[in-house]
Amino acid sequence: MKSGQIKKSHGDSFKFKVALAALKANRPVSELCQEFALSSSQIYAWKTLLEKRGVEIFADKKKTSNQDVNIERLHAIIGKLIVERELMAQMFGQ
């Protein structure tokens, strides 16, 4: 970055818009660079990220809910063990 330049922070919706435009490929990247005032490397980076992680949008939600159930079950077990430990400490005076 050149001296005196301020680094821009772009929002998620802007990044998605640019990456989607790059994926559609109905215009050259050089035109997108001018339109969005970005470098080609930034556009390619966002495009690549969308290609790699876009599948997560349609990922099976059951996997996530199963993980949530497992976490809740583990929290319940931890709570039970804490109570048991405290009872044992009271019983044996520790």
PDB file of N, CA and C in Angstrom:
ATOM      1  N   MET A   1       0.850  -1.162   0.000  1.00  0.00           N
ATOM      2  CA  MET A   1       0.000   0.000   0.000  1.00  0.00           C
ATOM      3  C   MET A   1       0.899   1.230   0.000  1.00  0.00           C
ATOM      4  N   LYS A   2       0.546   2.217  -0.777  1.00  0.00           N
ATOM      5  CA  LYS A   2       1.321   3.442  -0.863  1.00  0.00           C
ATOM      6  C   LYS A   2       1.097   4.310   0.363  1.00  0.00           C
ATOM      7  N   SER A   3       2.097   5.131   0.661  1.00  0.00           N
ATOM      8  CA  SER A   3       1.994   6.034   1.799  1.00  0.00           C
ATOM      9  C   SER A   3       0.832   7.003   1.595  1.00  0.00           C
ATOM     10  N   GLY A   4       0.049   7.200   2.630  1.00  0.00           N
ATOM     11  CA  GLY A   4      -1.071   8.130   2.553  1.00  0.00           C
ATOM     12  C   GLY A   4      -2.375   7.506   2.102  1.00  0.00           C
ATOM     13  N   GLN A   5      -2.329   6.232   1.660  1.00  0.00           N
ATOM     14  CA  GLN A   5      -3.562   5.576   1.255  1.00  0.00           C
ATOM     15  C   GLN A   5      -4.248   4.985   2.477  1.00  0.00           C
ATOM     16  N   ILE A   6      -5.550   4.998   2.440  1.00  0.00           N
ATOM     17  CA  ILE A   6      -6.337   4.417   3.511  1.00  0.00           C
ATOM     18  C   ILE A   6      -6.883   3.086   3.021  1.00  0.00           C
ATOM     19  N   LYS A   7      -6.708   2.049   3.833  1.00  0.00           N
ATOM     20  CA  LYS A   7      -7.201   0.737   3.475  1.00  0.00           C
ATOM     21  C   LYS A   7      -8.718   0.718   3.608  1.00  0.00           C
ATOM     22  N   LYS A   8      -9.393   0.313   2.533  1.00  0.00           N
ATOM     23  CA  LYS A   8     -10.852   0.243   2.543  1.00  0.00           C
ATOM     24  C   LYS A   8     -11.298  -1.078   3.146  1.00  0.00           C
ATOM     25  N   SER A   9     -12.392  -1.025   3.857  1.00  0.00           N
ATOM     26  CA  SER A   9     -13.008  -2.229   4.394  1.00  0.00           C
ATOM     27  C   SER A   9     -14.348  -2.404   3.698  1.00  0.00           C
ATOM     28  N   HIS A  10     -14.485  -3.521   3.019  1.00  0.00           N
ATOM     29  CA  HIS A  10     -15.712  -3.775   2.256  1.00  0.00           C
ATOM     30  C   HIS A  10     -16.618  -4.719   3.020  1.00  0.00           C
ATOM     31  N   GLY A  11     -17.910  -4.461   2.938  1.00  0.00           N
ATOM     32  CA  GLY A  11     -18.899  -5.300   3.609  1.00  0.00           C
ATOM     33  C   GLY A  11     -19.101  -6.626   2.899  1.00  0.00           C
ATOM     34  N   ASP A  12     -19.716  -7.544   3.614  1.00  0.00           N
ATOM     35  CA  ASP A  12     -19.951  -8.883   3.077  1.00  0.00           C
ATOM     36  C   ASP A  12     -20.819  -8.859   1.822  1.00  0.00           C
ATOM     37  N   SER A  13     -21.846  -8.039   1.821  1.00  0.00           N
ATOM     38  CA  SER A  13     -22.750  -8.003   0.665  1.00  0.00           C
ATOM     39  C   SER A  13     -22.036  -7.459  -0.575  1.00  0.00           C
ATOM     40  N   PHE A  14     -21.136  -6.495  -0.368  1.00  0.00           N
ATOM     41  CA  PHE A  14     -20.360  -5.955  -1.490  1.00  0.00           C
ATOM     42  C   PHE A  14     -19.435  -7.034  -2.050  1.00  0.00           C
ATOM     43  N   LYS A  15     -18.764  -7.753  -1.160  1.00  0.00           N
ATOM     44  CA  LYS A  15     -17.850  -8.810  -1.597  1.00  0.00           C
ATOM     45  C   LYS A  15     -18.605  -9.882  -2.377  1.00  0.00           C
ATOM     46  N   PHE A  16     -19.783 -10.257  -1.869  1.00  0.00           N
ATOM     47  CA  PHE A  16     -20.596 -11.257  -2.552  1.00  0.00           C
ATOM     48  C   PHE A  16     -21.010 -10.770  -3.931  1.00  0.00           C
ATOM     49  N   LYS A  17     -21.415  -9.526  -4.011  1.00  0.00           N
ATOM     50  CA  LYS A  17     -21.842  -8.938  -5.289  1.00  0.00           C
ATOM     51  C   LYS A  17     -20.714  -8.981  -6.308  1.00  0.00           C
ATOM     52  N   VAL A  18     -19.513  -8.608  -5.888  1.00  0.00           N
ATOM     53  CA  VAL A  18     -18.349  -8.591  -6.783  1.00  0.00           C
ATOM     54  C   VAL A  18     -17.987 -10.013  -7.199  1.00  0.00           C
ATOM     55  N   ALA A  19     -17.942 -10.932  -6.233  1.00  0.00           N
ATOM     56  CA  ALA A  19     -17.575 -12.317  -6.529  1.00  0.00           C
ATOM     57  C   ALA A  19     -18.586 -12.956  -7.472  1.00  0.00           C
ATOM     58  N   LEU A  20     -19.857 -12.674  -7.263  1.00  0.00           N
ATOM     59  CA  LEU A  20     -20.897 -13.213  -8.125  1.00  0.00           C
ATOM     60  C   LEU A  20     -20.774 -12.661  -9.545  1.00  0.00           C
ATOM     61  N   ALA A  21     -20.474 -11.384  -9.654  1.00  0.00           N
ATOM     62  CA  ALA A  21     -20.272 -10.782 -10.978  1.00  0.00           C
ATOM     63  C   ALA A  21     -19.085 -11.434 -11.674  1.00  0.00           C
ATOM     64  N   ALA A  22     -18.038 -11.742 -10.924  1.00  0.00           N
ATOM     65  CA  ALA A  22     -16.862 -12.384 -11.502  1.00  0.00           C
ATOM     66  C   ALA A  22     -17.177 -13.821 -11.921  1.00  0.00           C
ATOM     67  N   LEU A  23     -18.006 -14.500 -11.147  1.00  0.00           N
ATOM     68  CA  LEU A  23     -18.384 -15.875 -11.486  1.00  0.00           C
ATOM     69  C   LEU A  23     -19.239 -15.935 -12.742  1.00  0.00           C
ATOM     70  N   LYS A  24     -20.102 -14.955 -12.909  1.00  0.00           N
ATOM     71  CA  LYS A  24     -20.974 -14.937 -14.089  1.00  0.00           C
ATOM     72  C   LYS A  24     -20.140 -14.819 -15.363  1.00  0.00           C
ATOM     73  N   ALA A  25     -19.032 -14.117 -15.276  1.00  0.00           N
ATOM     74  CA  ALA A  25     -18.063 -13.996 -16.375  1.00  0.00           C
ATOM     75  C   ALA A  25     -18.672 -13.498 -17.682  1.00  0.00           C
ATOM     76  N   ASN A  26     -19.691 -12.652 -17.587  1.00  0.00           N
ATOM     77  CA  ASN A  26     -20.230 -12.068 -18.811  1.00  0.00           C
ATOM     78  C   ASN A  26     -19.547 -10.737 -19.131  1.00  0.00           C
ATOM     79  N   ARG A  27     -18.623 -10.337 -18.248  1.00  0.00           N
ATOM     80  CA  ARG A  27     -17.811  -9.142 -18.485  1.00  0.00           C
ATOM     81  C   ARG A  27     -16.375  -9.450 -18.088  1.00  0.00           C
ATOM     82  N   PRO A  28     -15.417  -8.817 -18.724  1.00  0.00           N
ATOM     83  CA  PRO A  28     -14.022  -9.062 -18.356  1.00  0.00           C
ATOM     84  C   PRO A  28     -13.705  -8.515 -16.958  1.00  0.00           C
ATOM     85  N   VAL A  29     -12.734  -9.130 -16.310  1.00  0.00           N
ATOM     86  CA  VAL A  29     -12.345  -8.719 -14.961  1.00  0.00           C
ATOM     87  C   VAL A  29     -11.845  -7.279 -14.964  1.00  0.00           C
ATOM     88  N   SER A  30     -11.197  -6.869 -16.032  1.00  0.00           N
ATOM     89  CA  SER A  30     -10.705  -5.483 -16.098  1.00  0.00           C
ATOM     90  C   SER A  30     -11.861  -4.488 -16.000  1.00  0.00           C
ATOM     91  N   GLU A  31     -13.002  -4.842 -16.577  1.00  0.00           N
ATOM     92  CA  GLU A  31     -14.184  -3.982 -16.491  1.00  0.00           C
ATOM     93  C   GLU A  31     -14.732  -3.970 -15.056  1.00  0.00           C
ATOM     94  N   LEU A  32     -14.723  -5.122 -14.417  1.00  0.00           N
ATOM     95  CA  LEU A  32     -15.168  -5.199 -13.023  1.00  0.00           C
ATOM     96  C   LEU A  32     -14.244  -4.390 -12.111  1.00  0.00           C
ATOM     97  N   CYS A  33     -12.955  -4.421 -12.400  1.00  0.00           N
ATOM     98  CA  CYS A  33     -11.982  -3.639 -11.617  1.00  0.00           C
ATOM     99  C   CYS A  33     -12.327  -2.153 -11.664  1.00  0.00           C
ATOM    100  N   GLN A  34     -12.650  -1.675 -12.829  1.00  0.00           N
ATOM    101  CA  GLN A  34     -12.995  -0.258 -12.977  1.00  0.00           C
ATOM    102  C   GLN A  34     -14.327   0.056 -12.306  1.00  0.00           C
ATOM    103  N   GLU A  35     -15.291  -0.809 -12.502  1.00  0.00           N
ATOM    104  CA  GLU A  35     -16.623  -0.567 -11.946  1.00  0.00           C
ATOM    105  C   GLU A  35     -16.609  -0.529 -10.423  1.00  0.00           C
ATOM    106  N   PHE A  36     -15.888  -1.473  -9.815  1.00  0.00           N
ATOM    107  CA  PHE A  36     -15.897  -1.579  -8.359  1.00  0.00           C
ATOM    108  C   PHE A  36     -14.668  -0.947  -7.693  1.00  0.00           C
ATOM    109  N   ALA A  37     -13.773  -0.377  -8.476  1.00  0.00           N
ATOM    110  CA  ALA A  37     -12.542   0.258  -7.969  1.00  0.00           C
ATOM    111  C   ALA A  37     -11.728  -0.709  -7.107  1.00  0.00           C
ATOM    112  N   LEU A  38     -11.489  -1.902  -7.677  1.00  0.00           N
ATOM    113  CA  LEU A  38     -10.722  -2.935  -6.991  1.00  0.00           C
ATOM    114  C   LEU A  38      -9.627  -3.455  -7.905  1.00  0.00           C
ATOM    115  N   SER A  39      -8.649  -4.115  -7.301  1.00  0.00           N
ATOM    116  CA  SER A  39      -7.614  -4.761  -8.104  1.00  0.00           C
ATOM    117  C   SER A  39      -8.119  -6.116  -8.581  1.00  0.00           C
ATOM    118  N   SER A  40      -7.545  -6.598  -9.653  1.00  0.00           N
ATOM    119  CA  SER A  40      -7.964  -7.896 -10.184  1.00  0.00           C
ATOM    120  C   SER A  40      -7.655  -9.013  -9.194  1.00  0.00           C
ATOM    121  N   SER A  41      -6.550  -8.883  -8.456  1.00  0.00           N
ATOM    122  CA  SER A  41      -6.213  -9.930  -7.484  1.00  0.00           C
ATOM    123  C   SER A  41      -7.278 -10.021  -6.382  1.00  0.00           C
ATOM    124  N   GLN A  42      -7.834  -8.881  -5.975  1.00  0.00           N
ATOM    125  CA  GLN A  42      -8.881  -8.895  -4.957  1.00  0.00           C
ATOM    126  C   GLN A  42     -10.142  -9.557  -5.493  1.00  0.00           C
ATOM    127  N   ILE A  43     -10.495  -9.248  -6.717  1.00  0.00           N
ATOM    128  CA  ILE A  43     -11.685  -9.849  -7.330  1.00  0.00           C
ATOM    129  C   ILE A  43     -11.511 -11.357  -7.462  1.00  0.00           C
ATOM    130  N   TYR A  44     -10.330 -11.791  -7.925  1.00  0.00           N
ATOM    131  CA  TYR A  44     -10.076 -13.223  -8.060  1.00  0.00           C
ATOM    132  C   TYR A  44     -10.099 -13.923  -6.699  1.00  0.00           C
ATOM    133  N   ALA A  45      -9.583 -13.256  -5.673  1.00  0.00           N
ATOM    134  CA  ALA A  45      -9.576 -13.848  -4.325  1.00  0.00           C
ATOM    135  C   ALA A  45     -11.004 -14.071  -3.829  1.00  0.00           C
ATOM    136  N   TRP A  46     -11.861 -13.076  -3.987  1.00  0.00           N
ATOM    137  CA  TRP A  46     -13.254 -13.207  -3.546  1.00  0.00           C
ATOM    138  C   TRP A  46     -13.996 -14.242  -4.389  1.00  0.00           C
ATOM    139  N   LYS A  47     -13.700 -14.277  -5.676  1.00  0.00           N
ATOM    140  CA  LYS A  47     -14.329 -15.257  -6.565  1.00  0.00           C
ATOM    141  C   LYS A  47     -13.941 -16.670  -6.134  1.00  0.00           C
ATOM    142  N   THR A  48     -12.667 -16.880  -5.861  1.00  0.00           N
ATOM    143  CA  THR A  48     -12.183 -18.187  -5.426  1.00  0.00           C
ATOM    144  C   THR A  48     -12.821 -18.595  -4.105  1.00  0.00           C
ATOM    145  N   LEU A  49     -12.935 -17.645  -3.186  1.00  0.00           N
ATOM    146  CA  LEU A  49     -13.561 -17.924  -1.892  1.00  0.00           C
ATOM    147  C   LEU A  49     -15.017 -18.336  -2.067  1.00  0.00           C
ATOM    148  N   LEU A  50     -15.725 -17.650  -2.943  1.00  0.00           N
ATOM    149  CA  LEU A  50     -17.123 -18.003  -3.203  1.00  0.00           C
ATOM    150  C   LEU A  50     -17.229 -19.384  -3.831  1.00  0.00           C
ATOM    151  N   GLU A  51     -16.325 -19.712  -4.727  1.00  0.00           N
ATOM    152  CA  GLU A  51     -16.341 -21.034  -5.360  1.00  0.00           C
ATOM    153  C   GLU A  51     -16.071 -22.138  -4.337  1.00  0.00           C
ATOM    154  N   LYS A  52     -15.146 -21.885  -3.421  1.00  0.00           N
ATOM    155  CA  LYS A  52     -14.765 -22.906  -2.442  1.00  0.00           C
ATOM    156  C   LYS A  52     -15.783 -23.059  -1.325  1.00  0.00           C
ATOM    157  N   ARG A  53     -16.330 -21.950  -0.843  1.00  0.00           N
ATOM    158  CA  ARG A  53     -17.190 -22.008   0.334  1.00  0.00           C
ATOM    159  C   ARG A  53     -18.665 -21.807   0.035  1.00  0.00           C
ATOM    160  N   GLY A  54     -19.004 -21.582  -1.213  1.00  0.00           N
ATOM    161  CA  GLY A  54     -20.399 -21.387  -1.586  1.00  0.00           C
ATOM    162  C   GLY A  54     -21.249 -22.613  -1.319  1.00  0.00           C
ATOM    163  N   VAL A  55     -20.634 -23.789  -1.361  1.00  0.00           N
ATOM    164  CA  VAL A  55     -21.362 -25.033  -1.122  1.00  0.00           C
ATOM    165  C   VAL A  55     -21.899 -25.088   0.309  1.00  0.00           C
ATOM    166  N   GLU A  56     -21.299 -24.368   1.228  1.00  0.00           N
ATOM    167  CA  GLU A  56     -21.752 -24.367   2.621  1.00  0.00           C
ATOM    168  C   GLU A  56     -23.181 -23.835   2.757  1.00  0.00           C
ATOM    169  N   ILE A  57     -23.588 -23.014   1.819  1.00  0.00           N
ATOM    170  CA  ILE A  57     -24.942 -22.465   1.842  1.00  0.00           C
ATOM    171  C   ILE A  57     -25.976 -23.585   1.757  1.00  0.00           C
ATOM    172  N   PHE A  58     -25.657 -24.602   0.967  1.00  0.00           N
ATOM    173  CA  PHE A  58     -26.601 -25.692   0.736  1.00  0.00           C
ATOM    174  C   PHE A  58     -26.245 -26.938   1.540  1.00  0.00           C
ATOM    175  N   ALA A  59     -25.362 -26.793   2.509  1.00  0.00           N
ATOM    176  CA  ALA A  59     -24.924 -27.936   3.315  1.00  0.00           C
ATOM    177  C   ALA A  59     -26.093 -28.511   4.101  1.00  0.00           C
ATOM    178  N   ASP A  60     -25.982 -29.774   4.433  1.00  0.00           N
ATOM    179  CA  ASP A  60     -27.019 -30.487   5.182  1.00  0.00           C
ATOM    180  C   ASP A  60     -27.129 -29.895   6.582  1.00  0.00           C
ATOM    181  N   LYS A  61     -28.276 -29.365   6.898  1.00  0.00           N
ATOM    182  CA  LYS A  61     -28.495 -28.712   8.200  1.00  0.00           C
ATOM    183  C   LYS A  61     -28.584 -29.733   9.333  1.00  0.00           C
ATOM    184  N   LYS A  62     -28.867 -31.004   9.014  1.00  0.00           N
ATOM    185  CA  LYS A  62     -28.965 -32.031  10.045  1.00  0.00           C
ATOM    186  C   LYS A  62     -27.638 -32.211  10.768  1.00  0.00           C
ATOM    187  N   LYS A  63     -26.537 -32.076  10.037  1.00  0.00           N
ATOM    188  CA  LYS A  63     -25.218 -32.209  10.654  1.00  0.00           C
ATOM    189  C   LYS A  63     -25.041 -31.164  11.742  1.00  0.00           C
ATOM    190  N   THR A  64     -25.441 -29.942  11.448  1.00  0.00           N
ATOM    191  CA  THR A  64     -25.317 -28.862  12.412  1.00  0.00           C
ATOM    192  C   THR A  64     -26.204 -29.109  13.620  1.00  0.00           C
ATOM    193  N   SER A  65     -27.441 -29.529  13.383  1.00  0.00           N
ATOM    194  CA  SER A  65     -28.341 -29.761  14.505  1.00  0.00           C
ATOM    195  C   SER A  65     -27.871 -30.940  15.352  1.00  0.00           C
ATOM    196  N   ASN A  66     -27.289 -31.963  14.743  1.00  0.00           N
ATOM    197  CA  ASN A  66     -26.742 -33.086  15.502  1.00  0.00           C
ATOM    198  C   ASN A  66     -25.588 -32.628  16.375  1.00  0.00           C
ATOM    199  N   GLN A  67     -24.775 -31.736  15.867  1.00  0.00           N
ATOM    200  CA  GLN A  67     -23.674 -31.198  16.655  1.00  0.00           C
ATOM    201  C   GLN A  67     -24.214 -30.407  17.838  1.00  0.00           C
ATOM    202  N   ASP A  68     -25.268 -29.636  17.617  1.00  0.00           N
ATOM    203  CA  ASP A  68     -25.883 -28.869  18.698  1.00  0.00           C
ATOM    204  C   ASP A  68     -26.422 -29.793  19.786  1.00  0.00           C
ATOM    205  N   VAL A  69     -27.049 -30.894  19.376  1.00  0.00           N
ATOM    206  CA  VAL A  69     -27.576 -31.860  20.333  1.00  0.00           C
ATOM    207  C   VAL A  69     -26.437 -32.470  21.138  1.00  0.00           C
ATOM    208  N   ASN A  70     -25.346 -32.818  20.469  1.00  0.00           N
ATOM    209  CA  ASN A  70     -24.193 -33.389  21.162  1.00  0.00           C
ATOM    210  C   ASN A  70     -23.603 -32.399  22.159  1.00  0.00           C
ATOM    211  N   ILE A  71     -23.528 -31.147  21.780  1.00  0.00           N
ATOM    212  CA  ILE A  71     -22.991 -30.126  22.675  1.00  0.00           C
ATOM    213  C   ILE A  71     -23.885 -29.975  23.898  1.00  0.00           C
ATOM    214  N   GLU A  72     -25.191 -29.945  23.684  1.00  0.00           N
ATOM    215  CA  GLU A  72     -26.126 -29.841  24.810  1.00  0.00           C
ATOM    216  C   GLU A  72     -25.998 -31.042  25.743  1.00  0.00           C
ATOM    217  N   ARG A  73     -25.857 -32.229  25.166  1.00  0.00           N
ATOM    218  CA  ARG A  73     -25.706 -33.448  25.966  1.00  0.00           C
ATOM    219  C   ARG A  73     -24.410 -33.389  26.786  1.00  0.00           C
ATOM    220  N   LEU A  74     -23.346 -32.929  26.164  1.00  0.00           N
ATOM    221  CA  LEU A  74     -22.070 -32.814  26.881  1.00  0.00           C
ATOM    222  C   LEU A  74     -22.141 -31.773  27.997  1.00  0.00           C
ATOM    223  N   HIS A  75     -22.830 -30.686  27.751  1.00  0.00           N
ATOM    224  CA  HIS A  75     -23.002 -29.672  28.799  1.00  0.00           C
ATOM    225  C   HIS A  75     -23.769 -30.245  29.983  1.00  0.00           C
ATOM    226  N   ALA A  76     -24.778 -31.062  29.698  1.00  0.00           N
ATOM    227  CA  ALA A  76     -25.551 -31.688  30.773  1.00  0.00           C
ATOM    228  C   ALA A  76     -24.670 -32.629  31.589  1.00  0.00           C
ATOM    229  N   ILE A  77     -23.832 -33.397  30.916  1.00  0.00           N
ATOM    230  CA  ILE A  77     -22.920 -34.309  31.612  1.00  0.00           C
ATOM    231  C   ILE A  77     -21.929 -33.534  32.472  1.00  0.00           C
ATOM    232  N   ILE A  78     -21.396 -32.460  31.933  1.00  0.00           N
ATOM    233  CA  ILE A  78     -20.454 -31.631  32.694  1.00  0.00           C
ATOM    234  C   ILE A  78     -21.127 -31.066  33.937  1.00  0.00           C
ATOM    235  N   GLY A  79     -22.347 -30.576  33.788  1.00  0.00           N
ATOM    236  CA  GLY A  79     -23.089 -30.034  34.928  1.00  0.00           C
ATOM    237  C   GLY A  79     -23.304 -31.090  35.999  1.00  0.00           C
ATOM    238  N   LYS A  80     -23.652 -32.291  35.576  1.00  0.00           N
ATOM    239  CA  LYS A  80     -23.871 -33.393  36.518  1.00  0.00           C
ATOM    240  C   LYS A  80     -22.572 -33.724  37.254  1.00  0.00           C
ATOM    241  N   LEU A  81     -21.463 -33.766  36.542  1.00  0.00           N
ATOM    242  CA  LEU A  81     -20.177 -34.074  37.165  1.00  0.00           C
ATOM    243  C   LEU A  81     -19.748 -33.001  38.157  1.00  0.00           C
ATOM    244  N   ILE A  82     -20.041 -31.759  37.839  1.00  0.00           N
ATOM    245  CA  ILE A  82     -19.696 -30.668  38.761  1.00  0.00           C
ATOM    246  C   ILE A  82     -20.479 -30.809  40.062  1.00  0.00           C
ATOM    247  N   VAL A  83     -21.771 -31.102  39.946  1.00  0.00           N
ATOM    248  CA  VAL A  83     -22.604 -31.276  41.138  1.00  0.00           C
ATOM    249  C   VAL A  83     -22.097 -32.457  41.958  1.00  0.00           C
ATOM    250  N   GLU A  84     -21.790 -33.563  41.299  1.00  0.00           N
ATOM    251  CA  GLU A  84     -21.276 -34.736  42.012  1.00  0.00           C
ATOM    252  C   GLU A  84     -19.962 -34.419  42.722  1.00  0.00           C
ATOM    253  N   ARG A  85     -19.078 -33.697  42.063  1.00  0.00           N
ATOM    254  CA  ARG A  85     -17.793 -33.335  42.662  1.00  0.00           C
ATOM    255  C   ARG A  85     -17.996 -32.469  43.906  1.00  0.00           C
ATOM    256  N   GLU A  86     -18.926 -31.509  43.819  1.00  0.00           N
ATOM    257  CA  GLU A  86     -19.185 -30.653  44.959  1.00  0.00           C
ATOM    258  C   GLU A  86     -19.773 -31.447  46.124  1.00  0.00           C
ATOM    259  N   LEU A  87     -20.662 -32.383  45.820  1.00  0.00           N
ATOM    260  CA  LEU A  87     -21.219 -33.235  46.869  1.00  0.00           C
ATOM    261  C   LEU A  87     -20.142 -34.087  47.534  1.00  0.00           C
ATOM    262  N   MET A  88     -19.264 -34.639  46.717  1.00  0.00           N
ATOM    263  CA  MET A  88     -18.175 -35.454  47.250  1.00  0.00           C
ATOM    264  C   MET A  88     -17.254 -34.608  48.126  1.00  0.00           C
ATOM    265  N   ALA A  89     -16.989 -33.394  47.688  1.00  0.00           N
ATOM    266  CA  ALA A  89     -16.125 -32.507  48.475  1.00  0.00           C
ATOM    267  C   ALA A  89     -16.775 -32.182  49.831  1.00  0.00           C
ATOM    268  N   GLN A  90     -18.084 -31.986  49.833  1.00  0.00           N
ATOM    269  CA  GLN A  90     -18.792 -31.715  51.099  1.00  0.00           C
ATOM    270  C   GLN A  90     -18.795 -32.953  52.009  1.00  0.00           C
ATOM    271  N   MET A  91     -18.954 -34.102  51.413  1.00  0.00           N
ATOM    272  CA  MET A  91     -19.021 -35.332  52.188  1.00  0.00           C
ATOM    273  C   MET A  91     -17.679 -35.670  52.847  1.00  0.00           C
ATOM    274  N   PHE A  92     -16.594 -35.403  52.147  1.00  0.00           N
ATOM    275  CA  PHE A  92     -15.285 -35.757  52.650  1.00  0.00           C
ATOM    276  C   PHE A  92     -14.508 -34.572  53.170  1.00  0.00           C
ATOM    277  N   GLY A  93     -15.176 -33.428  53.301  1.00  0.00           N
ATOM    278  CA  GLY A  93     -14.598 -32.244  53.933  1.00  0.00           C
ATOM    279  C   GLY A  93     -13.435 -31.608  53.189  1.00  0.00           C
ATOM    280  N   GLN A  94     -13.479 -31.623  51.924  1.00  0.00           N
ATOM    281  CA  GLN A  94     -12.383 -31.008  51.159  1.00  0.00           C
ATOM    282  C   GLN A  94     -12.785 -29.662  50.640  1.00  0.00           C
TER     283      GLN A  94
END
